[in-house]
Amino acid sequence: MGREGKNTMDLAEIFRVMRRRWYVLLPGLLLTAALGAAVLLLVPVKYQSQSTVVLLNSQKATAAYDGNPFLSTQTSLTGMADSLARNLDSDASIKDVKAQGLTGTYQAKLADNAQGPLMWLTVTGTDKAAVRKSDRILTAYAATRLKQFQTQQSVSPRAMIRMMTIVPPQNAVAQTKTRLEYLIMACLLGFALSMVATFFAEARKRPRSRPQPDAPDARPAEPEAQPATGRRTAGELEELVEEQTVALRQAPRWSRSADAEPAAAESPAHRSV
């Protein structure tokens, strides 16, 4: 309960500060909204189209299978597919497909988790219609490039590896992940700066607390030393004690007997005779 109450008080204090310093927070939020709008305008939506092709064995190699290429799959076909993908990503191939009208960027690679010589041909761009068209250009160029490889090696047509399109170029799909990431980052940054400015203004406006004076010492005051003039010497103290002792030994005058008084009176008379 104590922790929950503390958190509630902290949140309440934050909202109170935001309400008091609205004139600082509001411009910051407006700038954050403007920053988000700028991201939406400056970061265009990207579209992506993809096709899938497979390399098939030659007609000569499939003669033993009645010409069925899917029954004759060799490991060498996967190696050839990897070599073709690397060649398509080279600068020379990029220049060739650009000359044929391809726009945007593309990538040729072996299909993920494929159990055969399957390739993905992917094109990315900002124009939806142009992206699909470019993917068609790339797919046709891949088949042409495969044939050029084998022609350079003087391979007979019946012994050439063939290419077949398994999945034709698909409709371009919007890729909003990157744009959304930039938008979220811009909004979080703007909101954080707005909150920092708000609490900075609050700290500047609050009066600074003055240091409290130190509390008086509660220890009892030590008795002041008496001046040396009020002290008595040892001899004076002994004389005072003797005088008090003598006074205590003498009987009081009212307790003396009446007979003693005439005797005391006669004694001087006898002395005079």
Protein backbone atom coordinates (compact mmCIF):
# COMPACT_ATOMS: atom_id res chain seq x y z
CA MET A 1 0.00 0.00 0.00
CA GLY A 2 2.80 2.40 0.85
CA ARG A 3 4.59 1.87 -2.44
CA GLU A 4 1.36 2.22 -4.44
CA GLY A 5 0.50 5.40 -2.62
CA LYS A 6 3.95 6.78 -3.28
CA ASN A 7 3.70 6.00 -7.00
CA THR A 8 0.26 7.62 -7.12
CA MET A 9 1.61 10.74 -5.48
CA ASP A 10 4.50 10.85 -7.92
CA LEU A 11 2.16 10.61 -10.90
CA ALA A 12 -0.12 13.22 -9.42
CA GLU A 13 2.83 15.56 -8.95
CA ILE A 14 3.91 15.03 -12.55
CA PHE A 15 0.44 15.93 -13.83
CA ARG A 16 0.34 19.00 -11.61
CA VAL A 17 3.65 20.19 -13.00
CA MET A 18 2.44 19.58 -16.55
CA ARG A 19 -0.71 21.58 -15.84
CA ARG A 20 1.18 24.47 -14.27
CA ARG A 21 3.77 24.65 -17.06
CA TRP A 22 1.41 24.01 -19.95
CA TYR A 23 2.85 27.01 -21.79
CA VAL A 24 6.16 25.11 -22.00
CA LEU A 25 4.72 21.66 -22.67
CA LEU A 26 2.25 22.67 -25.38
CA PRO A 27 4.83 24.13 -27.80
CA GLY A 28 6.99 21.05 -27.29
CA LEU A 29 4.09 18.74 -28.18
CA LEU A 30 3.32 20.82 -31.26
CA LEU A 31 6.95 20.56 -32.36
CA THR A 32 6.78 16.80 -31.77
CA ALA A 33 3.71 16.56 -34.01
CA ALA A 34 5.49 18.63 -36.67
CA LEU A 35 8.52 16.34 -36.43
CA GLY A 36 6.31 13.28 -36.91
CA ALA A 37 4.64 14.87 -39.94
CA ALA A 38 8.06 15.65 -41.40
CA VAL A 39 9.06 11.99 -41.03
CA LEU A 40 5.91 10.91 -42.86
CA LEU A 41 6.65 13.33 -45.67
CA LEU A 42 10.40 12.85 -45.99
CA VAL A 43 10.53 9.07 -45.51
CA PRO A 44 8.60 7.56 -48.43
CA VAL A 45 6.76 4.27 -48.33
CA LYS A 46 8.78 1.47 -49.92
CA TYR A 47 7.22 -1.37 -51.92
CA GLN A 48 8.61 -4.83 -52.53
CA SER A 49 7.97 -7.50 -55.16
CA GLN A 50 9.47 -10.99 -55.22
CA SER A 51 9.67 -13.92 -57.60
CA THR A 52 10.98 -17.47 -57.13
CA VAL A 53 12.87 -19.41 -59.79
CA VAL A 54 14.41 -22.88 -59.84
CA LEU A 55 17.25 -24.37 -61.86
CA LEU A 56 16.45 -27.60 -63.72
CA ASN A 57 18.75 -30.23 -65.09
CA SER A 58 19.45 -30.40 -68.83
CA GLN A 59 17.38 -32.39 -71.30
CA LYS A 60 20.28 -34.78 -71.79
CA ALA A 61 20.57 -35.47 -68.07
CA THR A 62 16.83 -36.14 -67.73
CA ALA A 63 16.64 -38.62 -70.62
CA ALA A 64 16.88 -41.51 -68.16
CA TYR A 65 13.79 -40.12 -66.36
CA ASP A 66 11.70 -39.78 -69.52
CA GLY A 67 12.59 -36.11 -69.66
CA ASN A 68 11.15 -35.24 -66.21
CA PRO A 69 13.57 -32.64 -64.73
CA PHE A 70 12.05 -32.82 -61.24
CA LEU A 71 13.21 -36.43 -60.88
CA SER A 72 16.79 -35.50 -61.64
CA THR A 73 18.10 -33.07 -59.04
CA GLN A 74 21.82 -32.80 -58.50
CA THR A 75 23.89 -31.01 -55.88
CA SER A 76 25.70 -29.16 -58.63
CA LEU A 77 22.51 -27.28 -59.47
CA THR A 78 22.49 -25.65 -56.03
CA GLY A 79 26.09 -24.54 -56.54
CA MET A 80 25.17 -23.09 -59.92
CA ALA A 81 22.23 -21.22 -58.37
CA ASP A 82 24.55 -19.68 -55.77
CA SER A 83 27.03 -18.64 -58.48
CA LEU A 84 24.24 -17.06 -60.55
CA ALA A 85 22.91 -15.11 -57.53
CA ARG A 86 26.35 -13.69 -56.84
CA ASN A 87 26.75 -12.66 -60.47
CA LEU A 88 23.37 -10.92 -60.51
CA ASP A 89 24.41 -8.81 -57.50
CA SER A 90 27.62 -7.64 -59.21
CA ASP A 91 28.13 -4.09 -60.46
CA ALA A 92 28.15 -5.20 -64.11
CA SER A 93 24.77 -6.89 -63.78
CA ILE A 94 23.32 -3.90 -61.93
CA LYS A 95 24.41 -1.67 -64.79
CA ASP A 96 22.82 -3.99 -67.36
CA VAL A 97 19.41 -4.24 -65.65
CA LYS A 98 19.37 -0.48 -65.01
CA ALA A 99 19.85 0.01 -68.73
CA GLN A 100 16.86 -2.26 -69.37
CA GLY A 101 14.61 -0.05 -67.21
CA LEU A 102 14.89 -1.54 -63.71
CA THR A 103 14.29 1.03 -60.95
CA GLY A 104 14.92 0.81 -57.24
CA THR A 105 17.17 -1.80 -55.67
CA TYR A 106 17.16 -5.57 -55.96
CA GLN A 107 18.66 -8.68 -54.40
CA ALA A 108 19.25 -12.21 -55.71
CA LYS A 109 19.83 -14.98 -53.18
CA LEU A 110 19.20 -18.63 -52.47
CA ALA A 111 15.77 -19.19 -50.94
CA ASP A 112 15.78 -19.65 -47.19
CA ASN A 113 15.42 -23.27 -45.98
CA ALA A 114 15.29 -24.49 -49.58
CA GLN A 115 16.01 -28.15 -50.31
CA GLY A 116 16.92 -27.51 -53.94
CA PRO A 117 18.32 -24.87 -56.34
CA LEU A 118 15.64 -22.28 -55.59
CA MET A 119 16.36 -18.54 -55.88
CA TRP A 120 14.57 -15.43 -54.66
CA LEU A 121 14.65 -12.35 -56.89
CA THR A 122 13.47 -9.32 -54.87
CA VAL A 123 13.03 -5.72 -56.04
CA THR A 124 12.39 -2.76 -53.68
CA GLY A 125 11.35 0.79 -54.65
CA THR A 126 9.01 3.69 -53.96
CA ASP A 127 6.79 3.29 -57.05
CA LYS A 128 4.38 0.39 -56.67
CA ALA A 129 3.83 -0.25 -60.39
CA ALA A 130 7.49 0.21 -61.29
CA VAL A 131 8.57 -2.27 -58.62
CA ARG A 132 6.59 -5.13 -60.13
CA LYS A 133 7.77 -4.24 -63.63
CA SER A 134 11.37 -4.19 -62.43
CA ASP A 135 10.96 -7.63 -60.88
CA ARG A 136 9.85 -8.99 -64.23
CA ILE A 137 12.92 -7.45 -65.87
CA LEU A 138 15.18 -9.03 -63.23
CA THR A 139 13.59 -12.47 -63.65
CA ALA A 140 14.07 -12.41 -67.41
CA TYR A 141 17.63 -11.12 -67.03
CA ALA A 142 18.50 -14.01 -64.66
CA ALA A 143 17.47 -16.58 -67.30
CA THR A 144 19.49 -14.74 -69.94
CA ARG A 145 22.53 -14.55 -67.70
CA LEU A 146 22.36 -18.31 -66.98
CA LYS A 147 22.33 -19.07 -70.70
CA GLN A 148 25.28 -16.70 -71.29
CA PHE A 149 27.38 -18.56 -68.71
CA GLN A 150 26.92 -21.86 -70.49
CA THR A 151 27.35 -20.40 -73.98
CA GLN A 152 30.72 -18.99 -72.93
CA GLN A 153 31.71 -22.57 -71.99
CA SER A 154 30.50 -23.93 -75.35
CA VAL A 155 27.87 -26.12 -73.76
CA SER A 156 25.51 -27.77 -76.25
CA PRO A 157 21.86 -26.72 -76.02
CA ARG A 158 20.70 -30.21 -74.91
CA ALA A 159 23.21 -30.20 -72.05
CA MET A 160 22.42 -26.67 -70.75
CA ILE A 161 20.88 -26.09 -67.30
CA ARG A 162 17.48 -24.55 -67.61
CA MET A 163 15.57 -22.04 -65.44
CA MET A 164 11.88 -22.18 -64.58
CA THR A 165 9.77 -19.58 -62.77
CA ILE A 166 8.04 -21.17 -59.80
CA VAL A 167 6.43 -17.98 -58.43
CA PRO A 168 6.06 -15.07 -60.90
CA PRO A 169 6.68 -11.47 -59.73
CA GLN A 170 4.06 -10.67 -57.09
CA ASN A 171 2.13 -7.49 -56.56
CA ALA A 172 4.22 -4.92 -54.76
CA VAL A 173 3.57 -4.84 -51.00
CA ALA A 174 4.21 -1.78 -48.80
CA GLN A 175 7.08 -2.14 -46.36
CA THR A 176 6.17 0.18 -43.48
CA LYS A 177 8.45 -1.20 -40.78
CA THR A 178 11.35 1.20 -41.35
CA ARG A 179 9.07 4.21 -41.73
CA LEU A 180 7.18 3.32 -38.57
CA GLU A 181 10.43 2.93 -36.64
CA TYR A 182 11.56 6.42 -37.66
CA LEU A 183 8.17 7.85 -36.73
CA ILE A 184 8.21 6.27 -33.26
CA MET A 185 11.78 7.44 -32.62
CA ALA A 186 10.93 11.01 -33.64
CA CYS A 187 7.81 11.14 -31.43
CA LEU A 188 9.59 9.69 -28.40
CA LEU A 189 12.47 12.11 -28.79
CA GLY A 190 10.16 15.11 -29.10
CA PHE A 191 8.05 14.08 -26.10
CA ALA A 192 11.13 13.47 -23.95
CA LEU A 193 12.57 16.89 -24.78
CA SER A 194 9.21 18.51 -24.03
CA MET A 195 9.06 16.90 -20.59
CA VAL A 196 12.64 17.90 -19.82
CA ALA A 197 11.90 21.51 -20.76
CA THR A 198 8.72 21.47 -18.62
CA PHE A 199 10.45 20.25 -15.46
CA PHE A 200 13.39 22.56 -16.05
CA ALA A 201 11.01 25.51 -16.12
CA GLU A 202 9.34 24.21 -12.95
CA ALA A 203 12.70 23.97 -11.19
CA ARG A 204 13.63 27.51 -12.21
CA LYS A 205 10.35 28.96 -10.93
CA ARG A 206 10.36 27.28 -7.55
CA PRO A 207 11.85 29.37 -4.71
CA ARG A 208 15.02 28.03 -3.28
CA SER A 209 14.73 26.93 0.35
CA ARG A 210 17.00 28.82 2.75
CA PRO A 211 19.19 26.79 5.07
CA GLN A 212 17.68 26.39 8.54
CA PRO A 213 19.71 27.74 11.49
CA ASP A 214 21.32 25.17 13.66
CA ALA A 215 19.27 24.11 16.68
CA PRO A 216 20.60 25.31 20.04
CA ASP A 217 22.64 22.84 21.96
CA ALA A 218 20.45 21.01 24.45
CA ARG A 219 23.31 20.09 26.74
CA PRO A 220 23.12 21.72 30.17
CA ALA A 221 25.42 24.63 30.67
CA GLU A 222 28.43 23.89 32.76
CA PRO A 223 28.59 25.81 36.02
CA GLU A 224 30.80 28.79 35.85
CA ALA A 225 33.88 28.66 37.90
CA GLN A 226 33.72 30.92 40.92
CA PRO A 227 36.31 33.64 41.13
CA ALA A 228 39.38 32.92 43.15
CA THR A 229 38.53 35.76 45.58
CA GLY A 230 35.48 33.85 46.94
CA ARG A 231 37.50 30.83 47.94
CA ARG A 232 38.85 30.36 51.54
CA THR A 233 42.17 29.01 52.46
CA ALA A 234 42.62 25.84 54.52
CA GLY A 235 43.63 27.84 57.62
CA GLU A 236 40.49 29.97 57.57
CA LEU A 237 38.32 26.87 57.24
CA GLU A 238 40.00 25.28 60.34
CA GLU A 239 39.44 28.45 62.43
CA LEU A 240 35.77 28.52 61.42
CA VAL A 241 35.30 24.90 62.44
CA GLU A 242 36.94 25.53 65.87
CA GLU A 243 34.69 28.52 66.58
CA GLN A 244 31.58 26.51 65.79
CA THR A 245 32.79 23.65 68.00
CA VAL A 246 33.39 25.97 70.97
CA ALA A 247 29.97 27.54 70.54
CA LEU A 248 28.35 24.15 70.70
CA ARG A 249 30.19 23.16 73.91
CA GLN A 250 29.17 26.26 75.90
CA ALA A 251 25.77 25.98 77.57
CA PRO A 252 23.24 28.64 76.78
CA ARG A 253 22.80 31.51 79.18
CA TRP A 254 19.20 30.64 80.10
CA SER A 255 20.24 27.15 81.20
CA ARG A 256 22.69 28.29 83.79
CA SER A 257 21.53 27.85 87.46
CA ALA A 258 20.66 30.75 89.73
CA ASP A 259 23.35 29.75 92.25
CA ALA A 260 26.01 30.23 89.84
CA GLU A 261 25.11 33.87 89.34
CA PRO A 262 25.75 35.01 93.06
CA ALA A 263 28.95 33.07 93.02
CA ALA A 264 29.97 34.84 89.98
CA ALA A 265 28.96 38.12 91.59
CA GLU A 266 30.92 37.49 94.78
CA SER A 267 34.07 36.52 93.19
CA PRO A 268 34.97 40.01 92.18
CA ALA A 269 34.22 41.24 95.74
CA HIS A 270 36.56 38.76 97.27
CA ARG A 271 39.10 39.72 94.79
CA SER A 272 38.82 43.36 95.82
CA VAL A 273 39.41 42.56 99.53
